[in-house]
Amino acid sequence: MNEINEIDAWLRATGMTESRLGLLACANAKAVARIRSGDARIKTLDAVMAYIRGNPASRRVVKRKPPKA
């Protein structure tokens, strides 16, 4: 599986936005968009991949809206 597919699968599984992933992984909201376009540095790709591999989707809790009272 290539890195972009792995990122996409992780985002789908967690329900997280790509900008949030970028912020958490390397303090850059545009990191994933730059990875997709090919404009990211290897350091950025490595940081995002390390984050998703260190935080498997099965361990993530997807925040949901609380039920209405």
N, C-alpha and C. Protein backbone atom coordinates (compact mmCIF):
# COMPACT_ATOMS: atom_id res chain seq x y z
N MET A 1 0.86 -1.18 0.00
CA MET A 1 0.00 0.00 0.00
C MET A 1 0.90 1.24 0.00
N ASN A 2 0.63 2.18 -0.89
CA ASN A 2 1.46 3.37 -0.87
C ASN A 2 1.03 4.32 0.23
N GLU A 3 1.84 5.32 0.50
CA GLU A 3 1.61 6.20 1.64
C GLU A 3 0.29 6.96 1.55
N ILE A 4 -0.05 7.46 0.38
CA ILE A 4 -1.29 8.23 0.25
C ILE A 4 -2.50 7.34 0.52
N ASN A 5 -2.47 6.11 0.02
CA ASN A 5 -3.58 5.18 0.30
C ASN A 5 -3.65 4.86 1.79
N GLU A 6 -2.50 4.71 2.42
CA GLU A 6 -2.48 4.43 3.86
C GLU A 6 -3.04 5.61 4.66
N ILE A 7 -2.67 6.82 4.27
CA ILE A 7 -3.21 8.02 4.92
C ILE A 7 -4.72 8.09 4.73
N ASP A 8 -5.18 7.88 3.49
CA ASP A 8 -6.61 7.94 3.20
C ASP A 8 -7.39 6.90 4.01
N ALA A 9 -6.87 5.69 4.09
CA ALA A 9 -7.54 4.63 4.85
C ALA A 9 -7.61 5.01 6.33
N TRP A 10 -6.53 5.56 6.86
CA TRP A 10 -6.50 5.96 8.27
C TRP A 10 -7.50 7.09 8.54
N LEU A 11 -7.55 8.06 7.62
CA LEU A 11 -8.50 9.17 7.78
C LEU A 11 -9.94 8.66 7.75
N ARG A 12 -10.25 7.76 6.83
CA ARG A 12 -11.60 7.19 6.77
C ARG A 12 -11.93 6.44 8.05
N ALA A 13 -10.99 5.65 8.51
CA ALA A 13 -11.24 4.82 9.70
C ALA A 13 -11.41 5.66 10.97
N THR A 14 -10.73 6.78 11.04
CA THR A 14 -10.79 7.60 12.25
C THR A 14 -11.84 8.71 12.16
N GLY A 15 -12.21 9.08 10.95
CA GLY A 15 -13.14 10.20 10.79
C GLY A 15 -12.46 11.55 10.96
N MET A 16 -11.14 11.56 11.00
CA MET A 16 -10.39 12.80 11.20
C MET A 16 -10.21 13.51 9.86
N THR A 17 -10.14 14.83 9.90
CA THR A 17 -9.88 15.59 8.68
C THR A 17 -8.38 15.59 8.41
N GLU A 18 -8.02 15.79 7.16
CA GLU A 18 -6.61 15.79 6.83
C GLU A 18 -5.88 16.98 7.45
N SER A 19 -6.56 18.10 7.62
CA SER A 19 -5.90 19.25 8.24
C SER A 19 -5.59 18.98 9.71
N ARG A 20 -6.50 18.30 10.40
CA ARG A 20 -6.26 17.95 11.80
C ARG A 20 -5.09 16.97 11.92
N LEU A 21 -5.03 16.00 11.03
CA LEU A 21 -3.91 15.06 11.03
C LEU A 21 -2.60 15.81 10.85
N GLY A 22 -2.57 16.73 9.90
CA GLY A 22 -1.35 17.51 9.67
C GLY A 22 -0.94 18.31 10.89
N LEU A 23 -1.93 18.90 11.56
CA LEU A 23 -1.62 19.66 12.77
C LEU A 23 -1.06 18.77 13.87
N LEU A 24 -1.65 17.61 14.06
CA LEU A 24 -1.19 16.71 15.10
C LEU A 24 0.18 16.10 14.77
N ALA A 25 0.40 15.79 13.51
CA ALA A 25 1.62 15.09 13.12
C ALA A 25 2.83 16.02 13.02
N CYS A 26 2.61 17.22 12.51
CA CYS A 26 3.78 18.09 12.28
C CYS A 26 3.46 19.58 12.35
N ALA A 27 2.37 19.91 13.03
CA ALA A 27 1.98 21.32 13.24
C ALA A 27 1.80 22.07 11.91
N ASN A 28 1.27 21.38 10.92
CA ASN A 28 1.07 21.99 9.61
C ASN A 28 -0.25 21.47 9.03
N ALA A 29 -1.26 22.33 9.03
CA ALA A 29 -2.58 21.93 8.56
C ALA A 29 -2.60 21.56 7.08
N LYS A 30 -1.64 22.03 6.31
CA LYS A 30 -1.61 21.74 4.87
C LYS A 30 -0.69 20.57 4.52
N ALA A 31 -0.17 19.89 5.51
CA ALA A 31 0.80 18.82 5.27
C ALA A 31 0.25 17.73 4.37
N VAL A 32 -0.94 17.23 4.67
CA VAL A 32 -1.49 16.11 3.88
C VAL A 32 -1.81 16.58 2.45
N ALA A 33 -2.32 17.79 2.31
CA ALA A 33 -2.59 18.31 0.97
C ALA A 33 -1.29 18.43 0.17
N ARG A 34 -0.22 18.82 0.83
CA ARG A 34 1.07 18.92 0.15
C ARG A 34 1.63 17.55 -0.20
N ILE A 35 1.40 16.58 0.66
CA ILE A 35 1.82 15.21 0.35
C ILE A 35 1.09 14.72 -0.91
N ARG A 36 -0.21 14.98 -0.97
CA ARG A 36 -1.00 14.57 -2.13
C ARG A 36 -0.50 15.20 -3.42
N SER A 37 -0.14 16.49 -3.35
CA SER A 37 0.28 17.21 -4.55
C SER A 37 1.73 16.96 -4.92
N GLY A 38 2.47 16.31 -4.02
CA GLY A 38 3.88 16.03 -4.30
C GLY A 38 4.80 17.17 -3.90
N ASP A 39 4.27 18.17 -3.19
CA ASP A 39 5.07 19.33 -2.80
C ASP A 39 5.63 19.24 -1.38
N ALA A 40 5.38 18.13 -0.70
CA ALA A 40 5.84 17.99 0.69
C ALA A 40 7.28 17.51 0.74
N ARG A 41 7.94 17.88 1.79
CA ARG A 41 9.30 17.38 2.02
C ARG A 41 9.20 15.97 2.60
N ILE A 42 10.26 15.21 2.44
CA ILE A 42 10.29 13.85 2.98
C ILE A 42 10.09 13.88 4.49
N LYS A 43 10.64 14.88 5.14
CA LYS A 43 10.49 15.03 6.59
C LYS A 43 9.01 15.14 6.99
N THR A 44 8.23 15.84 6.18
CA THR A 44 6.80 16.00 6.44
C THR A 44 6.08 14.66 6.27
N LEU A 45 6.37 13.97 5.18
CA LEU A 45 5.78 12.65 4.95
C LEU A 45 6.14 11.69 6.08
N ASP A 46 7.40 11.70 6.47
CA ASP A 46 7.83 10.82 7.56
C ASP A 46 7.09 11.12 8.85
N ALA A 47 6.86 12.40 9.15
CA ALA A 47 6.16 12.79 10.38
C ALA A 47 4.71 12.31 10.36
N VAL A 48 4.04 12.46 9.22
CA VAL A 48 2.64 12.03 9.10
C VAL A 48 2.55 10.50 9.20
N MET A 49 3.43 9.82 8.51
CA MET A 49 3.41 8.35 8.55
C MET A 49 3.73 7.83 9.95
N ALA A 50 4.67 8.46 10.63
CA ALA A 50 5.00 8.04 12.00
C ALA A 50 3.80 8.25 12.91
N TYR A 51 3.06 9.33 12.70
CA TYR A 51 1.89 9.60 13.53
C TYR A 51 0.82 8.54 13.31
N ILE A 52 0.49 8.25 12.06
CA ILE A 52 -0.61 7.30 11.84
C ILE A 52 -0.20 5.88 12.22
N ARG A 53 1.06 5.54 12.05
CA ARG A 53 1.51 4.20 12.46
C ARG A 53 1.62 4.08 13.97
N GLY A 54 1.86 5.19 14.64
CA GLY A 54 1.92 5.19 16.10
C GLY A 54 0.56 5.30 16.76
N ASN A 55 -0.45 5.62 15.97
CA ASN A 55 -1.82 5.78 16.46
C ASN A 55 -2.77 5.01 15.57
N PRO A 56 -2.76 3.69 15.66
CA PRO A 56 -3.62 2.88 14.78
C PRO A 56 -5.09 3.28 14.88
N ALA A 57 -5.76 3.17 13.77
CA ALA A 57 -7.17 3.57 13.71
C ALA A 57 -8.02 2.79 14.70
N SER A 58 -7.64 1.56 15.00
CA SER A 58 -8.43 0.75 15.93
C SER A 58 -8.38 1.30 17.35
N ARG A 59 -7.37 2.10 17.65
CA ARG A 59 -7.25 2.69 18.99
C ARG A 59 -7.89 4.06 19.08
N ARG A 60 -8.22 4.65 17.94
CA ARG A 60 -8.76 6.00 17.91
C ARG A 60 -10.24 5.98 18.27
N VAL A 61 -10.66 6.98 18.98
CA VAL A 61 -12.08 7.15 19.30
C VAL A 61 -12.59 8.30 18.45
N VAL A 62 -13.58 8.01 17.65
CA VAL A 62 -14.17 9.03 16.80
C VAL A 62 -15.17 9.79 17.65
N LYS A 63 -14.95 11.11 17.72
CA LYS A 63 -15.87 11.93 18.51
C LYS A 63 -17.18 12.07 17.77
N ARG A 64 -18.23 11.86 18.50
CA ARG A 64 -19.56 11.97 17.92
C ARG A 64 -20.34 13.02 18.69
N LYS A 65 -21.32 13.59 18.03
CA LYS A 65 -22.15 14.58 18.70
C LYS A 65 -22.98 13.88 19.78
N PRO A 66 -23.11 14.51 20.94
CA PRO A 66 -23.93 13.90 21.99
C PRO A 66 -25.41 13.87 21.57
N PRO A 67 -26.14 12.90 22.04
CA PRO A 67 -27.57 12.83 21.68
C PRO A 67 -28.32 14.02 22.24
N LYS A 68 -29.32 14.44 21.51
CA LYS A 68 -30.15 15.57 21.98
C LYS A 68 -31.02 15.11 23.12
N ALA A 69 -31.17 15.98 24.08
CA ALA A 69 -31.99 15.65 25.26
C ALA A 69 -33.46 15.77 25.00
